[in-house]
Amino acid sequence: MSWEEYLKEIYYNPVNAGSFSGPDKLYRYVKKAGKYVISKYRIRKWLQRQEPYSLQRPLVRKFKRNTVITLGIDDQWDADLMDMTKFAKENDGYAYILVVIDIFSKYLWLRPTLDKRGESITAALKAILDEGRQPTRIRTDKGQEFKSRSFNALLKRNNIEHLYAQNTEIKANYAERVIKTVKAKIYRYMTYKQSQRYVDRLEDFNNNYNSVYVPSYDRYGSRQSQ
């Protein structure tokens, strides 16, 4: 197998941590795997020839962000909605993705929802909490879905403090960063497949993110041996 075939095998399979990423992350994945020695320059040039990457390169915008100090894992989660309404028809009606991230460990959860009614978002968050982890506090924007009675009742039952991002001009929500990263991967995947269906691989993208960004922690927030 040539090095170019090797890169293609990695890049176009969502299961791989280096898939649908940029040159830096793909280079780190290849270097860690140790099967081929490929320079970052070669990887960058190879990516520039790949249509999914060249057509879906994200614009880099810098925002002022509030500094958040956390005491440890599950001290604070951030949550936001990823709007995928224009692809709902091709994805079994799923129009949104609830994005939840633990600020300390950067562990991510993605849960598709049919709409953004309070009840739907509440059910998605409950499914995450039912997996066994729970934050001391959770921060969201002031969207009606997060201000709903059902959402806040769920938080109250679990003794979770609800914080709102106060300044819309200063981007405070870590989930917003994650949305850009995950969305870029999904768009590259759809470009490669020439299809607008992604929901079948959403779990792969979720696991992919966690394997790249939080290799030292498992889904329960425990430190893993290296």
C-alpha atoms as a PDB file:
ATOM      1  CA  MET A   1       0.000   0.000   0.000  1.00  0.00           C
ATOM      2  CA  SER A   2       1.372   3.422  -0.941  1.00  0.00           C
ATOM      3  CA  TRP A   3       1.451   6.255   1.578  1.00  0.00           C
ATOM      4  CA  GLU A   4      -1.289   8.016  -0.372  1.00  0.00           C
ATOM      5  CA  GLU A   5      -3.526   4.943  -0.192  1.00  0.00           C
ATOM      6  CA  TYR A   6      -2.783   4.741   3.523  1.00  0.00           C
ATOM      7  CA  LEU A   7      -3.860   8.346   4.062  1.00  0.00           C
ATOM      8  CA  LYS A   8      -7.043   7.745   2.094  1.00  0.00           C
ATOM      9  CA  GLU A   9      -7.843   4.685   4.206  1.00  0.00           C
ATOM     10  CA  ILE A  10      -7.495   6.744   7.380  1.00  0.00           C
ATOM     11  CA  TYR A  11      -9.065   9.985   6.256  1.00  0.00           C
ATOM     12  CA  TYR A  12     -12.275   8.670   4.743  1.00  0.00           C
ATOM     13  CA  ASN A  13     -13.290   6.293   7.529  1.00  0.00           C
ATOM     14  CA  PRO A  14     -15.145   8.112  10.374  1.00  0.00           C
ATOM     15  CA  VAL A  15     -14.073   5.407  12.824  1.00  0.00           C
ATOM     16  CA  ASN A  16     -10.475   6.628  12.636  1.00  0.00           C
ATOM     17  CA  ALA A  17      -9.444   9.493  14.886  1.00  0.00           C
ATOM     18  CA  GLY A  18      -7.692  11.267  12.016  1.00  0.00           C
ATOM     19  CA  SER A  19     -10.657  11.161   9.668  1.00  0.00           C
ATOM     20  CA  PHE A  20     -12.024  14.312   8.022  1.00  0.00           C
ATOM     21  CA  SER A  21      -9.625  16.449  10.045  1.00  0.00           C
ATOM     22  CA  GLY A  22      -7.045  19.101   9.208  1.00  0.00           C
ATOM     23  CA  PRO A  23      -3.333  18.569   8.471  1.00  0.00           C
ATOM     24  CA  ASP A  24      -2.132  18.903  12.064  1.00  0.00           C
ATOM     25  CA  LYS A  25      -4.467  16.274  13.523  1.00  0.00           C
ATOM     26  CA  LEU A  26      -3.983  13.907  10.594  1.00  0.00           C
ATOM     27  CA  TYR A  27      -0.211  14.247  10.914  1.00  0.00           C
ATOM     28  CA  ARG A  28      -0.329  13.477  14.646  1.00  0.00           C
ATOM     29  CA  TYR A  29      -2.490  10.419  13.991  1.00  0.00           C
ATOM     30  CA  VAL A  30      -0.113   9.082  11.317  1.00  0.00           C
ATOM     31  CA  LYS A  31       2.945   9.753  13.487  1.00  0.00           C
ATOM     32  CA  LYS A  32       1.411   8.007  16.487  1.00  0.00           C
ATOM     33  CA  ALA A  33       0.351   4.985  14.402  1.00  0.00           C
ATOM     34  CA  GLY A  34       3.944   4.647  13.198  1.00  0.00           C
ATOM     35  CA  LYS A  35       3.176   2.630  10.063  1.00  0.00           C
ATOM     36  CA  TYR A  36       4.422   5.269   7.624  1.00  0.00           C
ATOM     37  CA  VAL A  37       6.736   8.248   7.957  1.00  0.00           C
ATOM     38  CA  ILE A  38       4.916  11.072   6.182  1.00  0.00           C
ATOM     39  CA  SER A  39       5.875  14.699   6.610  1.00  0.00           C
ATOM     40  CA  LYS A  40       3.312  17.318   7.569  1.00  0.00           C
ATOM     41  CA  TYR A  41       4.094  19.086   4.281  1.00  0.00           C
ATOM     42  CA  ARG A  42       3.144  15.997   2.279  1.00  0.00           C
ATOM     43  CA  ILE A  43      -0.026  15.551   4.314  1.00  0.00           C
ATOM     44  CA  ARG A  44      -1.019  19.178   3.781  1.00  0.00           C
ATOM     45  CA  LYS A  45      -0.437  18.919   0.030  1.00  0.00           C
ATOM     46  CA  TRP A  46      -2.385  15.642  -0.108  1.00  0.00           C
ATOM     47  CA  LEU A  47      -5.315  17.212   1.742  1.00  0.00           C
ATOM     48  CA  GLN A  48      -5.377  20.142  -0.649  1.00  0.00           C
ATOM     49  CA  ARG A  49      -6.039  17.654  -3.450  1.00  0.00           C
ATOM     50  CA  GLN A  50      -8.962  16.089  -1.575  1.00  0.00           C
ATOM     51  CA  GLU A  51     -12.265  17.676  -2.545  1.00  0.00           C
ATOM     52  CA  PRO A  52     -14.027  17.188   0.840  1.00  0.00           C
ATOM     53  CA  TYR A  53     -11.213  19.082   2.569  1.00  0.00           C
ATOM     54  CA  SER A  54     -10.642  21.816  -0.005  1.00  0.00           C
ATOM     55  CA  LEU A  55     -14.357  22.609  -0.340  1.00  0.00           C
ATOM     56  CA  GLN A  56     -15.111  22.540   3.383  1.00  0.00           C
ATOM     57  CA  ARG A  57     -12.204  24.416   4.907  1.00  0.00           C
ATOM     58  CA  PRO A  58     -13.694  26.431   7.784  1.00  0.00           C
ATOM     59  CA  LEU A  59     -13.294  30.177   8.053  1.00  0.00           C
ATOM     60  CA  VAL A  60     -11.161  31.124  11.037  1.00  0.00           C
ATOM     61  CA  ARG A  61     -12.841  33.730  13.199  1.00  0.00           C
ATOM     62  CA  LYS A  62     -11.485  34.793  16.569  1.00  0.00           C
ATOM     63  CA  PHE A  63     -13.946  35.678  19.309  1.00  0.00           C
ATOM     64  CA  LYS A  64     -13.382  37.077  22.754  1.00  0.00           C
ATOM     65  CA  ARG A  65     -14.218  34.393  25.278  1.00  0.00           C
ATOM     66  CA  ASN A  66     -14.683  34.405  29.007  1.00  0.00           C
ATOM     67  CA  THR A  67     -12.161  32.377  30.980  1.00  0.00           C
ATOM     68  CA  VAL A  68     -13.816  29.543  32.891  1.00  0.00           C
ATOM     69  CA  ILE A  69     -12.148  27.987  35.921  1.00  0.00           C
ATOM     70  CA  THR A  70     -13.335  24.492  36.819  1.00  0.00           C
ATOM     71  CA  LEU A  71     -12.492  22.368  39.837  1.00  0.00           C
ATOM     72  CA  GLY A  72     -12.248  19.108  37.921  1.00  0.00           C
ATOM     73  CA  ILE A  73     -14.164  16.598  35.851  1.00  0.00           C
ATOM     74  CA  ASP A  74     -17.928  17.182  35.791  1.00  0.00           C
ATOM     75  CA  ASP A  75     -17.669  20.463  37.659  1.00  0.00           C
ATOM     76  CA  GLN A  76     -19.178  22.266  34.661  1.00  0.00           C
ATOM     77  CA  TRP A  77     -20.693  21.160  31.389  1.00  0.00           C
ATOM     78  CA  ASP A  78     -21.599  23.422  28.493  1.00  0.00           C
ATOM     79  CA  ALA A  79     -24.521  22.654  26.187  1.00  0.00           C
ATOM     80  CA  ASP A  80     -25.737  24.058  22.885  1.00  0.00           C
ATOM     81  CA  LEU A  81     -27.694  23.008  19.799  1.00  0.00           C
ATOM     82  CA  MET A  82     -26.211  22.260  16.398  1.00  0.00           C
ATOM     83  CA  ASP A  83     -28.684  23.311  13.717  1.00  0.00           C
ATOM     84  CA  MET A  84     -28.929  20.633  11.013  1.00  0.00           C
ATOM     85  CA  THR A  85     -32.465  21.467   9.851  1.00  0.00           C
ATOM     86  CA  LYS A  86     -31.577  21.620   6.159  1.00  0.00           C
ATOM     87  CA  PHE A  87     -30.506  17.973   6.283  1.00  0.00           C
ATOM     88  CA  ALA A  88     -33.443  16.690   8.354  1.00  0.00           C
ATOM     89  CA  LYS A  89     -35.254  15.019   5.453  1.00  0.00           C
ATOM     90  CA  GLU A  90     -32.246  12.822   4.662  1.00  0.00           C
ATOM     91  CA  ASN A  91     -31.658  11.957   8.336  1.00  0.00           C
ATOM     92  CA  ASP A  92     -34.927  10.458   9.548  1.00  0.00           C
ATOM     93  CA  GLY A  93     -36.269  13.867  10.494  1.00  0.00           C
ATOM     94  CA  TYR A  94     -33.476  14.721  12.942  1.00  0.00           C
ATOM     95  CA  ALA A  95     -33.105  18.489  12.696  1.00  0.00           C
ATOM     96  CA  TYR A  96     -30.820  19.295  15.630  1.00  0.00           C
ATOM     97  CA  ILE A  97     -27.977  17.787  17.613  1.00  0.00           C
ATOM     98  CA  LEU A  98     -27.643  18.459  21.334  1.00  0.00           C
ATOM     99  CA  VAL A  99     -23.964  19.119  22.003  1.00  0.00           C
ATOM    100  CA  VAL A 100     -22.743  18.709  25.585  1.00  0.00           C
ATOM    101  CA  ILE A 101     -19.111  18.998  26.672  1.00  0.00           C
ATOM    102  CA  ASP A 102     -17.360  18.665  30.022  1.00  0.00           C
ATOM    103  CA  ILE A 103     -15.138  21.747  30.185  1.00  0.00           C
ATOM    104  CA  PHE A 104     -12.358  20.118  32.217  1.00  0.00           C
ATOM    105  CA  SER A 105     -11.858  16.826  30.374  1.00  0.00           C
ATOM    106  CA  LYS A 106     -13.304  18.030  27.017  1.00  0.00           C
ATOM    107  CA  TYR A 107     -15.392  14.839  26.898  1.00  0.00           C
ATOM    108  CA  LEU A 108     -18.203  15.223  24.363  1.00  0.00           C
ATOM    109  CA  TRP A 109     -21.735  13.898  23.932  1.00  0.00           C
ATOM    110  CA  LEU A 110     -23.777  14.292  20.720  1.00  0.00           C
ATOM    111  CA  ARG A 111     -27.491  13.456  20.701  1.00  0.00           C
ATOM    112  CA  PRO A 112     -29.726  14.000  17.641  1.00  0.00           C
ATOM    113  CA  THR A 113     -33.216  15.415  18.211  1.00  0.00           C
ATOM    114  CA  LEU A 114     -36.209  15.802  15.911  1.00  0.00           C
ATOM    115  CA  ASP A 115     -36.859  19.369  17.045  1.00  0.00           C
ATOM    116  CA  LYS A 116     -35.773  21.867  19.663  1.00  0.00           C
ATOM    117  CA  ARG A 117     -38.828  21.791  21.894  1.00  0.00           C
ATOM    118  CA  GLY A 118     -38.002  21.801  25.576  1.00  0.00           C
ATOM    119  CA  GLU A 119     -39.289  18.255  25.988  1.00  0.00           C
ATOM    120  CA  SER A 120     -37.042  16.950  23.201  1.00  0.00           C
ATOM    121  CA  ILE A 121     -33.910  18.613  24.549  1.00  0.00           C
ATOM    122  CA  THR A 122     -34.767  17.438  28.059  1.00  0.00           C
ATOM    123  CA  ALA A 123     -35.069  13.840  26.849  1.00  0.00           C
ATOM    124  CA  ALA A 124     -31.711  14.087  25.075  1.00  0.00           C
ATOM    125  CA  LEU A 125     -29.964  15.415  28.182  1.00  0.00           C
ATOM    126  CA  LYS A 126     -31.646  12.793  30.379  1.00  0.00           C
ATOM    127  CA  ALA A 127     -30.266  10.066  28.112  1.00  0.00           C
ATOM    128  CA  ILE A 128     -26.778  11.471  28.693  1.00  0.00           C
ATOM    129  CA  LEU A 129     -27.241  11.670  32.467  1.00  0.00           C
ATOM    130  CA  ASP A 130     -28.568   8.104  32.500  1.00  0.00           C
ATOM    131  CA  GLU A 131     -25.151   6.935  31.279  1.00  0.00           C
ATOM    132  CA  GLY A 132     -23.777   7.661  34.743  1.00  0.00           C
ATOM    133  CA  ARG A 133     -22.070  11.047  34.725  1.00  0.00           C
ATOM    134  CA  GLN A 134     -23.528  14.279  36.087  1.00  0.00           C
ATOM    135  CA  PRO A 135     -22.197  17.840  36.358  1.00  0.00           C
ATOM    136  CA  THR A 136     -22.338  20.171  39.328  1.00  0.00           C
ATOM    137  CA  ARG A 137     -23.507  22.882  36.957  1.00  0.00           C
ATOM    138  CA  ILE A 138     -24.401  23.258  33.305  1.00  0.00           C
ATOM    139  CA  ARG A 139     -24.171  26.377  31.174  1.00  0.00           C
ATOM    140  CA  THR A 140     -26.351  27.170  28.154  1.00  0.00           C
ATOM    141  CA  ASP A 141     -27.473  30.187  26.184  1.00  0.00           C
ATOM    142  CA  LYS A 142     -30.888  31.717  26.804  1.00  0.00           C
ATOM    143  CA  GLY A 143     -32.713  29.765  24.106  1.00  0.00           C
ATOM    144  CA  GLN A 144     -36.291  28.830  24.967  1.00  0.00           C
ATOM    145  CA  GLU A 145     -35.424  25.130  24.809  1.00  0.00           C
ATOM    146  CA  PHE A 146     -33.029  25.616  27.741  1.00  0.00           C
ATOM    147  CA  LYS A 147     -35.417  27.854  29.678  1.00  0.00           C
ATOM    148  CA  SER A 148     -38.273  25.349  29.432  1.00  0.00           C
ATOM    149  CA  ARG A 149     -39.991  24.009  32.518  1.00  0.00           C
ATOM    150  CA  SER A 150     -39.131  20.392  31.680  1.00  0.00           C
ATOM    151  CA  PHE A 151     -35.420  21.110  31.150  1.00  0.00           C
ATOM    152  CA  ASN A 152     -35.037  22.992  34.407  1.00  0.00           C
ATOM    153  CA  ALA A 153     -37.106  20.413  36.289  1.00  0.00           C
ATOM    154  CA  LEU A 154     -34.634  17.736  35.157  1.00  0.00           C
ATOM    155  CA  LEU A 155     -31.745  19.836  36.418  1.00  0.00           C
ATOM    156  CA  LYS A 156     -33.473  20.465  39.733  1.00  0.00           C
ATOM    157  CA  ARG A 157     -34.188  16.754  40.281  1.00  0.00           C
ATOM    158  CA  ASN A 158     -30.501  16.045  39.814  1.00  0.00           C
ATOM    159  CA  ASN A 159     -29.277  19.023  41.870  1.00  0.00           C
ATOM    160  CA  ILE A 160     -27.563  20.585  38.843  1.00  0.00           C
ATOM    161  CA  GLU A 161     -27.100  24.342  38.888  1.00  0.00           C
ATOM    162  CA  HIS A 162     -28.146  26.094  35.659  1.00  0.00           C
ATOM    163  CA  LEU A 163     -25.955  28.950  34.408  1.00  0.00           C
ATOM    164  CA  TYR A 164     -26.721  31.164  31.414  1.00  0.00           C
ATOM    165  CA  ALA A 165     -24.105  32.732  29.155  1.00  0.00           C
ATOM    166  CA  GLN A 166     -24.753  36.387  29.940  1.00  0.00           C
ATOM    167  CA  ASN A 167     -22.932  38.266  27.187  1.00  0.00           C
ATOM    168  CA  THR A 168     -23.859  37.360  23.621  1.00  0.00           C
ATOM    169  CA  GLU A 169     -20.983  39.475  22.267  1.00  0.00           C
ATOM    170  CA  ILE A 170     -18.352  37.549  24.226  1.00  0.00           C
ATOM    171  CA  LYS A 171     -18.571  33.908  23.240  1.00  0.00           C
ATOM    172  CA  ALA A 172     -18.568  32.025  26.530  1.00  0.00           C
ATOM    173  CA  ASN A 173     -19.895  28.646  25.550  1.00  0.00           C
ATOM    174  CA  TYR A 174     -17.285  25.954  24.890  1.00  0.00           C
ATOM    175  CA  ALA A 175     -19.938  23.969  23.032  1.00  0.00           C
ATOM    176  CA  GLU A 176     -19.846  26.573  20.257  1.00  0.00           C
ATOM    177  CA  ARG A 177     -16.242  25.644  19.501  1.00  0.00           C
ATOM    178  CA  VAL A 178     -17.090  21.961  19.384  1.00  0.00           C
ATOM    179  CA  ILE A 179     -19.987  22.588  17.007  1.00  0.00           C
ATOM    180  CA  LYS A 180     -17.591  24.123  14.467  1.00  0.00           C
ATOM    181  CA  THR A 181     -15.215  21.172  14.732  1.00  0.00           C
ATOM    182  CA  VAL A 182     -17.876  18.458  14.460  1.00  0.00           C
ATOM    183  CA  LYS A 183     -19.811  20.270  11.745  1.00  0.00           C
ATOM    184  CA  ALA A 184     -16.674  20.540   9.606  1.00  0.00           C
ATOM    185  CA  LYS A 185     -16.138  16.776   9.882  1.00  0.00           C
ATOM    186  CA  ILE A 186     -19.765  16.014   9.017  1.00  0.00           C
ATOM    187  CA  TYR A 187     -19.713  18.325   6.002  1.00  0.00           C
ATOM    188  CA  ARG A 188     -16.503  16.746   4.705  1.00  0.00           C
ATOM    189  CA  TYR A 189     -18.015  13.305   5.175  1.00  0.00           C
ATOM    190  CA  MET A 190     -21.151  14.281   3.248  1.00  0.00           C
ATOM    191  CA  THR A 191     -19.056  15.779   0.452  1.00  0.00           C
ATOM    192  CA  TYR A 192     -17.053  12.562   0.197  1.00  0.00           C
ATOM    193  CA  LYS A 193     -20.157  10.352   0.178  1.00  0.00           C
ATOM    194  CA  GLN A 194     -22.035  12.703  -2.168  1.00  0.00           C
ATOM    195  CA  SER A 195     -24.945  12.344   0.226  1.00  0.00           C
ATOM    196  CA  GLN A 196     -26.573  14.484   2.894  1.00  0.00           C
ATOM    197  CA  ARG A 197     -27.092  11.552   5.256  1.00  0.00           C
ATOM    198  CA  TYR A 198     -24.827  11.557   8.295  1.00  0.00           C
ATOM    199  CA  VAL A 199     -26.936  10.364  11.249  1.00  0.00           C
ATOM    200  CA  ASP A 200     -25.807   6.724  10.911  1.00  0.00           C
ATOM    201  CA  ARG A 201     -22.221   7.805  11.582  1.00  0.00           C
ATOM    202  CA  LEU A 202     -22.888  10.380  14.301  1.00  0.00           C
ATOM    203  CA  GLU A 203     -21.729   8.014  17.040  1.00  0.00           C
ATOM    204  CA  ASP A 204     -18.495   7.455  15.110  1.00  0.00           C
ATOM    205  CA  PHE A 205     -17.919  11.211  14.941  1.00  0.00           C
ATOM    206  CA  ASN A 206     -18.611  11.438  18.677  1.00  0.00           C
ATOM    207  CA  ASN A 207     -16.148   8.653  19.507  1.00  0.00           C
ATOM    208  CA  ASN A 208     -13.695  10.120  17.010  1.00  0.00           C
ATOM    209  CA  TYR A 209     -13.703  13.476  18.812  1.00  0.00           C
ATOM    210  CA  ASN A 210     -13.240  11.890  22.226  1.00  0.00           C
ATOM    211  CA  SER A 211     -10.347   9.727  21.070  1.00  0.00           C
ATOM    212  CA  VAL A 212      -8.542  12.770  19.646  1.00  0.00           C
ATOM    213  CA  TYR A 213      -9.275  15.412  22.242  1.00  0.00           C
ATOM    214  CA  VAL A 214      -9.652  13.454  25.481  1.00  0.00           C
ATOM    215  CA  PRO A 215      -7.428  10.352  25.263  1.00  0.00           C
ATOM    216  CA  SER A 216      -6.709  10.401  29.005  1.00  0.00           C
ATOM    217  CA  TYR A 217     -10.292   9.998  30.213  1.00  0.00           C
ATOM    218  CA  ASP A 218     -12.983   7.386  29.729  1.00  0.00           C
ATOM    219  CA  ARG A 219     -16.721   8.033  29.404  1.00  0.00           C
ATOM    220  CA  TYR A 220     -17.106   8.006  33.194  1.00  0.00           C
ATOM    221  CA  GLY A 221     -14.434  10.653  33.687  1.00  0.00           C
ATOM    222  CA  SER A 222     -11.832   8.286  35.107  1.00  0.00           C
ATOM    223  CA  ARG A 223      -8.165   8.779  34.295  1.00  0.00           C
ATOM    224  CA  GLN A 224      -6.897   6.034  31.992  1.00  0.00           C
ATOM    225  CA  SER A 225      -3.414   4.562  32.090  1.00  0.00           C
ATOM    226  CA  GLN A 226      -1.189   5.666  29.247  1.00  0.00           C
END
